[in-house]
Amino acid sequence: MTPESGDYGIRGADSSYGHSSGRSSGPRRIGTYKLYPNPLARIDLPPPAREDGPGIWDALQERSSIRDYGQEPLQTQHLSQILWASQGITRERGEWQFRTAPSAGALYPIETYLGVNRVDGLSAGLYHYELRHHRLAFLREDPMIGMALTRAALGQTMCQRAALVFAWTAVIARSARKYGERAYRYIYMDAGHVAQNVYLACTALGLACCAIGAFFDDEVNAVLEVDGREESAIYLASIGQRG
């Protein structure tokens, strides 16, 4: 399944990254959302809560990487909260939509996929977060997706035991159009910002989370059905109820 080229924002961008140390002479901003035209379904998420909850200092104190998960499914409300915290839209100014996580040049190269094992109301399989509308695109039913991600992540079985796995990719041309080769550095910084937001959100919700950097890129790309060249997996995180 391929995205609509206008929303994917990379058509004609091949020559602008990976080979030049200077900035590209092309457009400085090319689109910051990926939209699949014909998913199996689109699922609207409940609005995220933006009041109450534990304070930021408590979440920072309690944050830790937790690899043990209970078998209870994740609540849809909690998933909505985590997704919004990761890089949900917080305000708009003209054509710009700013998010909970910073991004170099406000270019937002990071896309979010979910490998769902156990979430209330969702079939097991692959999903993409359409953050502009705060909803999910259901891309593929796959009850074995946790096992596939475990193999791709060097046998880390928490990908099977967790309620779901966040998989972040980078659409490289979004950043490379402005920053050239330096975009690769900024992309990984952006991913770190997003992942820390997820950690803090999970901590605030009493959930377990563990970021995963050890994986075979090509195998994760294959699970996500991205090409590994214009868009490639860069970070994972397993999330679930605490064991």
C-alpha atoms as a PDB file:
ATOM      1  CA  MET A   1       0.000   0.000   0.000  1.00  0.00           C
ATOM      2  CA  THR A   2       1.489   3.325  -1.025  1.00  0.00           C
ATOM      3  CA  PRO A   3       0.727   6.827   0.255  1.00  0.00           C
ATOM      4  CA  GLU A   4      -0.617   9.705  -1.768  1.00  0.00           C
ATOM      5  CA  SER A   5       2.395  11.464  -3.238  1.00  0.00           C
ATOM      6  CA  GLY A   6       1.199  14.948  -2.342  1.00  0.00           C
ATOM      7  CA  ASP A   7       0.999  14.132   1.354  1.00  0.00           C
ATOM      8  CA  TYR A   8       4.072  11.902   1.356  1.00  0.00           C
ATOM      9  CA  GLY A   9       6.077  14.930   0.289  1.00  0.00           C
ATOM     10  CA  ILE A  10       9.065  13.248  -1.381  1.00  0.00           C
ATOM     11  CA  ARG A  11       8.356  13.081  -5.118  1.00  0.00           C
ATOM     12  CA  GLY A  12      11.324  14.283  -7.130  1.00  0.00           C
ATOM     13  CA  ALA A  13      13.496  14.617  -4.035  1.00  0.00           C
ATOM     14  CA  ASP A  14      15.952  11.769  -4.638  1.00  0.00           C
ATOM     15  CA  SER A  15      18.842  13.978  -5.714  1.00  0.00           C
ATOM     16  CA  SER A  16      18.544  16.323  -2.759  1.00  0.00           C
ATOM     17  CA  TYR A  17      19.843  14.128   0.055  1.00  0.00           C
ATOM     18  CA  GLY A  18      22.747  11.918   0.948  1.00  0.00           C
ATOM     19  CA  HIS A  19      25.207  13.391  -1.566  1.00  0.00           C
ATOM     20  CA  SER A  20      25.585  17.077  -0.877  1.00  0.00           C
ATOM     21  CA  SER A  21      27.181  18.779   2.085  1.00  0.00           C
ATOM     22  CA  GLY A  22      25.368  22.015   1.331  1.00  0.00           C
ATOM     23  CA  ARG A  23      21.735  22.917   1.466  1.00  0.00           C
ATOM     24  CA  SER A  24      19.479  21.984  -1.396  1.00  0.00           C
ATOM     25  CA  SER A  25      18.366  24.657  -3.827  1.00  0.00           C
ATOM     26  CA  GLY A  26      14.907  23.075  -3.972  1.00  0.00           C
ATOM     27  CA  PRO A  27      11.833  23.989  -1.935  1.00  0.00           C
ATOM     28  CA  ARG A  28      12.612  24.502   1.736  1.00  0.00           C
ATOM     29  CA  ARG A  29       9.406  22.816   2.926  1.00  0.00           C
ATOM     30  CA  ILE A  30       7.654  19.980   1.120  1.00  0.00           C
ATOM     31  CA  GLY A  31       4.926  18.585   3.341  1.00  0.00           C
ATOM     32  CA  THR A  32       4.918  17.101   6.808  1.00  0.00           C
ATOM     33  CA  TYR A  33       2.206  14.415   6.707  1.00  0.00           C
ATOM     34  CA  LYS A  34       1.905  11.005   5.154  1.00  0.00           C
ATOM     35  CA  LEU A  35      -1.558   9.816   4.177  1.00  0.00           C
ATOM     36  CA  TYR A  36      -2.449   6.359   2.896  1.00  0.00           C
ATOM     37  CA  PRO A  37      -5.266   6.705   0.324  1.00  0.00           C
ATOM     38  CA  ASN A  38      -6.989   3.326   0.776  1.00  0.00           C
ATOM     39  CA  PRO A  39      -6.429   1.819   4.224  1.00  0.00           C
ATOM     40  CA  LEU A  40      -8.620  -1.034   5.416  1.00  0.00           C
ATOM     41  CA  ALA A  41     -10.250   1.430   7.828  1.00  0.00           C
ATOM     42  CA  ARG A  42      -9.723   4.758   9.536  1.00  0.00           C
ATOM     43  CA  ILE A  43     -10.288   4.841  13.281  1.00  0.00           C
ATOM     44  CA  ASP A  44     -10.944   8.125  15.035  1.00  0.00           C
ATOM     45  CA  LEU A  45      -9.241   8.337  18.401  1.00  0.00           C
ATOM     46  CA  PRO A  46     -10.845   9.836  21.521  1.00  0.00           C
ATOM     47  CA  PRO A  47      -9.658  13.349  22.324  1.00  0.00           C
ATOM     48  CA  PRO A  48      -6.559  13.432  24.526  1.00  0.00           C
ATOM     49  CA  ALA A  49      -6.849  14.757  28.056  1.00  0.00           C
ATOM     50  CA  ARG A  50      -4.854  17.932  28.597  1.00  0.00           C
ATOM     51  CA  GLU A  51      -5.619  18.588  32.243  1.00  0.00           C
ATOM     52  CA  ASP A  52      -5.066  16.802  35.541  1.00  0.00           C
ATOM     53  CA  GLY A  53      -2.692  13.852  35.730  1.00  0.00           C
ATOM     54  CA  PRO A  54       0.629  13.718  37.595  1.00  0.00           C
ATOM     55  CA  GLY A  55       3.051  16.613  37.405  1.00  0.00           C
ATOM     56  CA  ILE A  56       6.016  16.661  35.022  1.00  0.00           C
ATOM     57  CA  TRP A  57       8.516  16.379  37.881  1.00  0.00           C
ATOM     58  CA  ASP A  58       6.882  13.189  39.132  1.00  0.00           C
ATOM     59  CA  ALA A  59       6.932  11.683  35.639  1.00  0.00           C
ATOM     60  CA  LEU A  60      10.606  12.528  35.216  1.00  0.00           C
ATOM     61  CA  GLN A  61      11.457  10.993  38.586  1.00  0.00           C
ATOM     62  CA  GLU A  62       9.561   7.759  37.874  1.00  0.00           C
ATOM     63  CA  ARG A  63      10.517   7.263  34.194  1.00  0.00           C
ATOM     64  CA  SER A  64      12.325   4.007  33.520  1.00  0.00           C
ATOM     65  CA  SER A  65      12.687   1.371  30.795  1.00  0.00           C
ATOM     66  CA  ILE A  66      10.370  -1.525  31.633  1.00  0.00           C
ATOM     67  CA  ARG A  67      10.449  -4.768  29.652  1.00  0.00           C
ATOM     68  CA  ASP A  68       7.921  -6.853  31.618  1.00  0.00           C
ATOM     69  CA  TYR A  69       4.299  -6.590  30.499  1.00  0.00           C
ATOM     70  CA  GLY A  70       0.965  -7.864  31.689  1.00  0.00           C
ATOM     71  CA  GLN A  71      -1.450  -9.508  29.265  1.00  0.00           C
ATOM     72  CA  GLU A  72      -4.246  -6.982  29.682  1.00  0.00           C
ATOM     73  CA  PRO A  73      -4.979  -4.984  26.512  1.00  0.00           C
ATOM     74  CA  LEU A  74      -4.157  -1.301  26.328  1.00  0.00           C
ATOM     75  CA  GLN A  75      -7.109   1.053  26.568  1.00  0.00           C
ATOM     76  CA  THR A  76      -7.890   3.111  23.462  1.00  0.00           C
ATOM     77  CA  GLN A  77      -7.978   6.272  25.579  1.00  0.00           C
ATOM     78  CA  HIS A  78      -4.464   5.572  26.776  1.00  0.00           C
ATOM     79  CA  LEU A  79      -3.264   4.961  23.217  1.00  0.00           C
ATOM     80  CA  SER A  80      -4.818   8.254  22.150  1.00  0.00           C
ATOM     81  CA  GLN A  81      -3.041  10.036  24.990  1.00  0.00           C
ATOM     82  CA  ILE A  82       0.348   8.517  24.139  1.00  0.00           C
ATOM     83  CA  LEU A  83       0.050   9.296  20.438  1.00  0.00           C
ATOM     84  CA  TRP A  84      -0.890  12.905  21.111  1.00  0.00           C
ATOM     85  CA  ALA A  85       1.947  13.248  23.609  1.00  0.00           C
ATOM     86  CA  SER A  86       4.406  11.841  21.080  1.00  0.00           C
ATOM     87  CA  GLN A  87       3.930  14.560  18.474  1.00  0.00           C
ATOM     88  CA  GLY A  88       0.337  15.718  18.469  1.00  0.00           C
ATOM     89  CA  ILE A  89      -0.564  19.157  17.159  1.00  0.00           C
ATOM     90  CA  THR A  90      -0.626  21.819  19.867  1.00  0.00           C
ATOM     91  CA  ARG A  91      -1.167  25.033  17.899  1.00  0.00           C
ATOM     92  CA  GLU A  92      -1.371  26.390  14.378  1.00  0.00           C
ATOM     93  CA  ARG A  93       0.094  29.519  12.864  1.00  0.00           C
ATOM     94  CA  GLY A  94      -0.702  30.088   9.205  1.00  0.00           C
ATOM     95  CA  GLU A  95       0.352  26.995   7.264  1.00  0.00           C
ATOM     96  CA  TRP A  96       2.371  25.690  10.202  1.00  0.00           C
ATOM     97  CA  GLN A  97       1.119  23.133  12.713  1.00  0.00           C
ATOM     98  CA  PHE A  98       3.378  22.895  15.741  1.00  0.00           C
ATOM     99  CA  ARG A  99       3.607  19.724  17.812  1.00  0.00           C
ATOM    100  CA  THR A 100       4.340  18.484  21.297  1.00  0.00           C
ATOM    101  CA  ALA A 101       7.881  17.526  20.229  1.00  0.00           C
ATOM    102  CA  PRO A 102      10.326  19.989  18.640  1.00  0.00           C
ATOM    103  CA  SER A 103      11.699  19.457  15.155  1.00  0.00           C
ATOM    104  CA  ALA A 104      14.607  21.121  13.368  1.00  0.00           C
ATOM    105  CA  GLY A 105      13.130  23.773  11.087  1.00  0.00           C
ATOM    106  CA  ALA A 106       9.613  22.574  12.009  1.00  0.00           C
ATOM    107  CA  LEU A 107       9.968  20.050   9.165  1.00  0.00           C
ATOM    108  CA  TYR A 108       8.774  16.994  11.145  1.00  0.00           C
ATOM    109  CA  PRO A 109      10.346  14.070   9.276  1.00  0.00           C
ATOM    110  CA  ILE A 110       9.167  11.434  11.787  1.00  0.00           C
ATOM    111  CA  GLU A 111       6.215   9.154  10.993  1.00  0.00           C
ATOM    112  CA  THR A 112       4.591   6.831  13.536  1.00  0.00           C
ATOM    113  CA  TYR A 113       3.469   3.252  12.897  1.00  0.00           C
ATOM    114  CA  LEU A 114       1.957   0.836  15.406  1.00  0.00           C
ATOM    115  CA  GLY A 115       2.395  -2.902  15.546  1.00  0.00           C
ATOM    116  CA  VAL A 116      -0.681  -3.774  17.602  1.00  0.00           C
ATOM    117  CA  ASN A 117      -0.873  -6.984  19.620  1.00  0.00           C
ATOM    118  CA  ARG A 118      -3.562  -6.134  22.208  1.00  0.00           C
ATOM    119  CA  VAL A 119      -5.450  -2.834  22.173  1.00  0.00           C
ATOM    120  CA  ASP A 120      -9.155  -2.539  23.019  1.00  0.00           C
ATOM    121  CA  GLY A 121     -11.244  -2.157  19.882  1.00  0.00           C
ATOM    122  CA  LEU A 122      -8.354  -2.721  17.444  1.00  0.00           C
ATOM    123  CA  SER A 123      -7.495  -5.832  15.453  1.00  0.00           C
ATOM    124  CA  ALA A 124      -3.924  -7.055  15.663  1.00  0.00           C
ATOM    125  CA  GLY A 125      -1.864  -5.677  12.825  1.00  0.00           C
ATOM    126  CA  LEU A 126      -0.168  -2.631  11.354  1.00  0.00           C
ATOM    127  CA  TYR A 127      -1.465   0.927  11.759  1.00  0.00           C
ATOM    128  CA  HIS A 128      -0.250   4.399  10.804  1.00  0.00           C
ATOM    129  CA  TYR A 129      -0.927   7.477  12.933  1.00  0.00           C
ATOM    130  CA  GLU A 130      -2.551  10.276  10.919  1.00  0.00           C
ATOM    131  CA  LEU A 131      -1.693  12.992  13.383  1.00  0.00           C
ATOM    132  CA  ARG A 132      -3.257  15.828  11.385  1.00  0.00           C
ATOM    133  CA  HIS A 133      -6.646  14.262  12.163  1.00  0.00           C
ATOM    134  CA  HIS A 134      -5.656  12.356  15.334  1.00  0.00           C
ATOM    135  CA  ARG A 135      -6.753   9.025  13.921  1.00  0.00           C
ATOM    136  CA  LEU A 136      -5.332   5.684  12.830  1.00  0.00           C
ATOM    137  CA  ALA A 137      -5.143   4.193   9.359  1.00  0.00           C
ATOM    138  CA  PHE A 138      -5.480   0.403   9.543  1.00  0.00           C
ATOM    139  CA  LEU A 139      -3.005  -0.886   6.964  1.00  0.00           C
ATOM    140  CA  ARG A 140      -2.838  -4.647   7.473  1.00  0.00           C
ATOM    141  CA  GLU A 141      -4.387  -7.279   9.684  1.00  0.00           C
ATOM    142  CA  ASP A 142      -1.561  -9.369  11.097  1.00  0.00           C
ATOM    143  CA  PRO A 143      -1.889 -11.412  14.299  1.00  0.00           C
ATOM    144  CA  MET A 144       1.809 -12.334  14.010  1.00  0.00           C
ATOM    145  CA  ILE A 145       3.153  -8.791  13.803  1.00  0.00           C
ATOM    146  CA  GLY A 146       4.655  -8.987  17.296  1.00  0.00           C
ATOM    147  CA  MET A 147       6.609 -12.071  16.291  1.00  0.00           C
ATOM    148  CA  ALA A 148       7.793 -10.392  13.086  1.00  0.00           C
ATOM    149  CA  LEU A 149       9.015  -7.373  15.044  1.00  0.00           C
ATOM    150  CA  THR A 150      10.702  -9.659  17.579  1.00  0.00           C
ATOM    151  CA  ARG A 151      12.704 -11.287  14.778  1.00  0.00           C
ATOM    152  CA  ALA A 152      13.543  -7.885  13.318  1.00  0.00           C
ATOM    153  CA  ALA A 153      14.636  -6.646  16.760  1.00  0.00           C
ATOM    154  CA  LEU A 154      17.276  -9.359  17.235  1.00  0.00           C
ATOM    155  CA  GLY A 155      14.946 -11.679  19.140  1.00  0.00           C
ATOM    156  CA  GLN A 156      13.783  -9.160  21.769  1.00  0.00           C
ATOM    157  CA  THR A 157      10.577 -10.916  22.812  1.00  0.00           C
ATOM    158  CA  MET A 158       9.138  -7.828  24.493  1.00  0.00           C
ATOM    159  CA  CYS A 159       7.854  -6.939  21.003  1.00  0.00           C
ATOM    160  CA  GLN A 160       5.533  -9.968  21.308  1.00  0.00           C
ATOM    161  CA  ARG A 161       4.702  -9.557  24.981  1.00  0.00           C
ATOM    162  CA  ALA A 162       3.879  -5.841  24.839  1.00  0.00           C
ATOM    163  CA  ALA A 163       0.422  -4.576  23.982  1.00  0.00           C
ATOM    164  CA  LEU A 164       1.910  -2.780  20.991  1.00  0.00           C
ATOM    165  CA  VAL A 165       5.120  -1.540  19.457  1.00  0.00           C
ATOM    166  CA  PHE A 166       5.657   2.005  18.238  1.00  0.00           C
ATOM    167  CA  ALA A 167       7.813   2.081  15.097  1.00  0.00           C
ATOM    168  CA  TRP A 168       9.141   5.436  13.982  1.00  0.00           C
ATOM    169  CA  THR A 169      10.378   6.119  10.482  1.00  0.00           C
ATOM    170  CA  ALA A 170      11.974   9.144   8.883  1.00  0.00           C
ATOM    171  CA  VAL A 171      10.895  10.627   5.563  1.00  0.00           C
ATOM    172  CA  ILE A 172      14.379  11.889   4.843  1.00  0.00           C
ATOM    173  CA  ALA A 173      13.630  14.445   2.122  1.00  0.00           C
ATOM    174  CA  ARG A 174      11.532  16.561   4.467  1.00  0.00           C
ATOM    175  CA  SER A 175      14.663  17.551   6.352  1.00  0.00           C
ATOM    176  CA  ALA A 176      17.247  17.095   3.599  1.00  0.00           C
ATOM    177  CA  ARG A 177      15.565  19.656   1.345  1.00  0.00           C
ATOM    178  CA  LYS A 178      16.696  22.334   3.783  1.00  0.00           C
ATOM    179  CA  TYR A 179      19.668  20.860   5.609  1.00  0.00           C
ATOM    180  CA  GLY A 180      21.400  18.534   3.145  1.00  0.00           C
ATOM    181  CA  GLU A 181      23.580  15.893   4.797  1.00  0.00           C
ATOM    182  CA  ARG A 182      23.182  17.492   8.218  1.00  0.00           C
ATOM    183  CA  ALA A 183      19.537  16.414   8.068  1.00  0.00           C
ATOM    184  CA  TYR A 184      20.547  12.933   9.204  1.00  0.00           C
ATOM    185  CA  ARG A 185      21.781  14.330  12.513  1.00  0.00           C
ATOM    186  CA  TYR A 186      18.618  16.354  13.026  1.00  0.00           C
ATOM    187  CA  ILE A 187      16.372  13.399  12.178  1.00  0.00           C
ATOM    188  CA  TYR A 188      17.791  11.313  15.014  1.00  0.00           C
ATOM    189  CA  MET A 189      17.486  14.246  17.394  1.00  0.00           C
ATOM    190  CA  ASP A 190      13.829  14.585  16.402  1.00  0.00           C
ATOM    191  CA  ALA A 191      13.231  10.883  17.044  1.00  0.00           C
ATOM    192  CA  GLY A 192      14.743  11.222  20.504  1.00  0.00           C
ATOM    193  CA  HIS A 193      12.411  14.089  21.365  1.00  0.00           C
ATOM    194  CA  VAL A 194       9.384  12.047  20.276  1.00  0.00           C
ATOM    195  CA  ALA A 195      10.471   8.931  22.159  1.00  0.00           C
ATOM    196  CA  GLN A 196      11.065  10.824  25.399  1.00  0.00           C
ATOM    197  CA  ASN A 197       7.545  12.249  25.173  1.00  0.00           C
ATOM    198  CA  VAL A 198       6.241   8.692  24.851  1.00  0.00           C
ATOM    199  CA  TYR A 199       8.249   7.590  27.879  1.00  0.00           C
ATOM    200  CA  LEU A 200       6.855  10.411  30.008  1.00  0.00           C
ATOM    201  CA  ALA A 201       3.278   9.842  28.819  1.00  0.00           C
ATOM    202  CA  CYS A 202       3.490   6.126  29.632  1.00  0.00           C
ATOM    203  CA  THR A 203       4.940   6.909  33.042  1.00  0.00           C
ATOM    204  CA  ALA A 204       2.133   9.362  33.765  1.00  0.00           C
ATOM    205  CA  LEU A 205      -0.437   6.720  32.757  1.00  0.00           C
ATOM    206  CA  GLY A 206       1.161   3.988  34.880  1.00  0.00           C
ATOM    207  CA  LEU A 207       2.209   1.989  31.815  1.00  0.00           C
ATOM    208  CA  ALA A 208       5.444   0.248  30.898  1.00  0.00           C
ATOM    209  CA  CYS A 209       7.625   1.449  28.024  1.00  0.00           C
ATOM    210  CA  CYS A 210      11.022   0.489  26.639  1.00  0.00           C
ATOM    211  CA  ALA A 211      12.770   2.100  23.672  1.00  0.00           C
ATOM    212  CA  ILE A 212      14.516  -0.257  21.243  1.00  0.00           C
ATOM    213  CA  GLY A 213      17.474   0.757  19.128  1.00  0.00           C
ATOM    214  CA  ALA A 214      18.814  -2.716  18.276  1.00  0.00           C
ATOM    215  CA  PHE A 215      17.085  -4.015  15.160  1.00  0.00           C
ATOM    216  CA  PHE A 216      17.740  -4.953  11.553  1.00  0.00           C
ATOM    217  CA  ASP A 217      16.702  -1.932   9.533  1.00  0.00           C
ATOM    218  CA  ASP A 218      15.713  -3.864   6.419  1.00  0.00           C
ATOM    219  CA  GLU A 219      13.575  -6.315   8.389  1.00  0.00           C
ATOM    220  CA  VAL A 220      11.675  -3.583  10.224  1.00  0.00           C
ATOM    221  CA  ASN A 221      11.216  -1.736   6.933  1.00  0.00           C
ATOM    222  CA  ALA A 222       9.756  -4.914   5.453  1.00  0.00           C
ATOM    223  CA  VAL A 223       7.269  -5.253   8.331  1.00  0.00           C
ATOM    224  CA  LEU A 224       6.229  -1.621   7.854  1.00  0.00           C
ATOM    225  CA  GLU A 225       6.264  -1.911   4.048  1.00  0.00           C
ATOM    226  CA  VAL A 226       8.484   1.143   3.568  1.00  0.00           C
ATOM    227  CA  ASP A 227      11.285   1.264   1.007  1.00  0.00           C
ATOM    228  CA  GLY A 228      14.262   1.908   3.304  1.00  0.00           C
ATOM    229  CA  ARG A 229      15.578   4.619   1.030  1.00  0.00           C
ATOM    230  CA  GLU A 230      13.148   7.526   0.966  1.00  0.00           C
ATOM    231  CA  GLU A 231      11.603   6.372   4.230  1.00  0.00           C
ATOM    232  CA  SER A 232      13.323   4.147   6.763  1.00  0.00           C
ATOM    233  CA  ALA A 233      12.787   2.833  10.284  1.00  0.00           C
ATOM    234  CA  ILE A 234      14.928   4.575  12.905  1.00  0.00           C
ATOM    235  CA  TYR A 235      13.527   3.727  16.368  1.00  0.00           C
ATOM    236  CA  LEU A 236      11.102   1.363  18.162  1.00  0.00           C
ATOM    237  CA  ALA A 237       9.406   1.286  21.554  1.00  0.00           C
ATOM    238  CA  SER A 238       7.389  -1.456  23.231  1.00  0.00           C
ATOM    239  CA  ILE A 239       4.448  -0.409  25.419  1.00  0.00           C
ATOM    240  CA  GLY A 240       1.971  -2.252  27.615  1.00  0.00           C
ATOM    241  CA  GLN A 241       0.473  -2.754  31.025  1.00  0.00           C
ATOM    242  CA  ARG A 242       3.041  -3.277  33.737  1.00  0.00           C
ATOM    243  CA  GLY A 243       3.735  -6.902  34.510  1.00  0.00           C
END
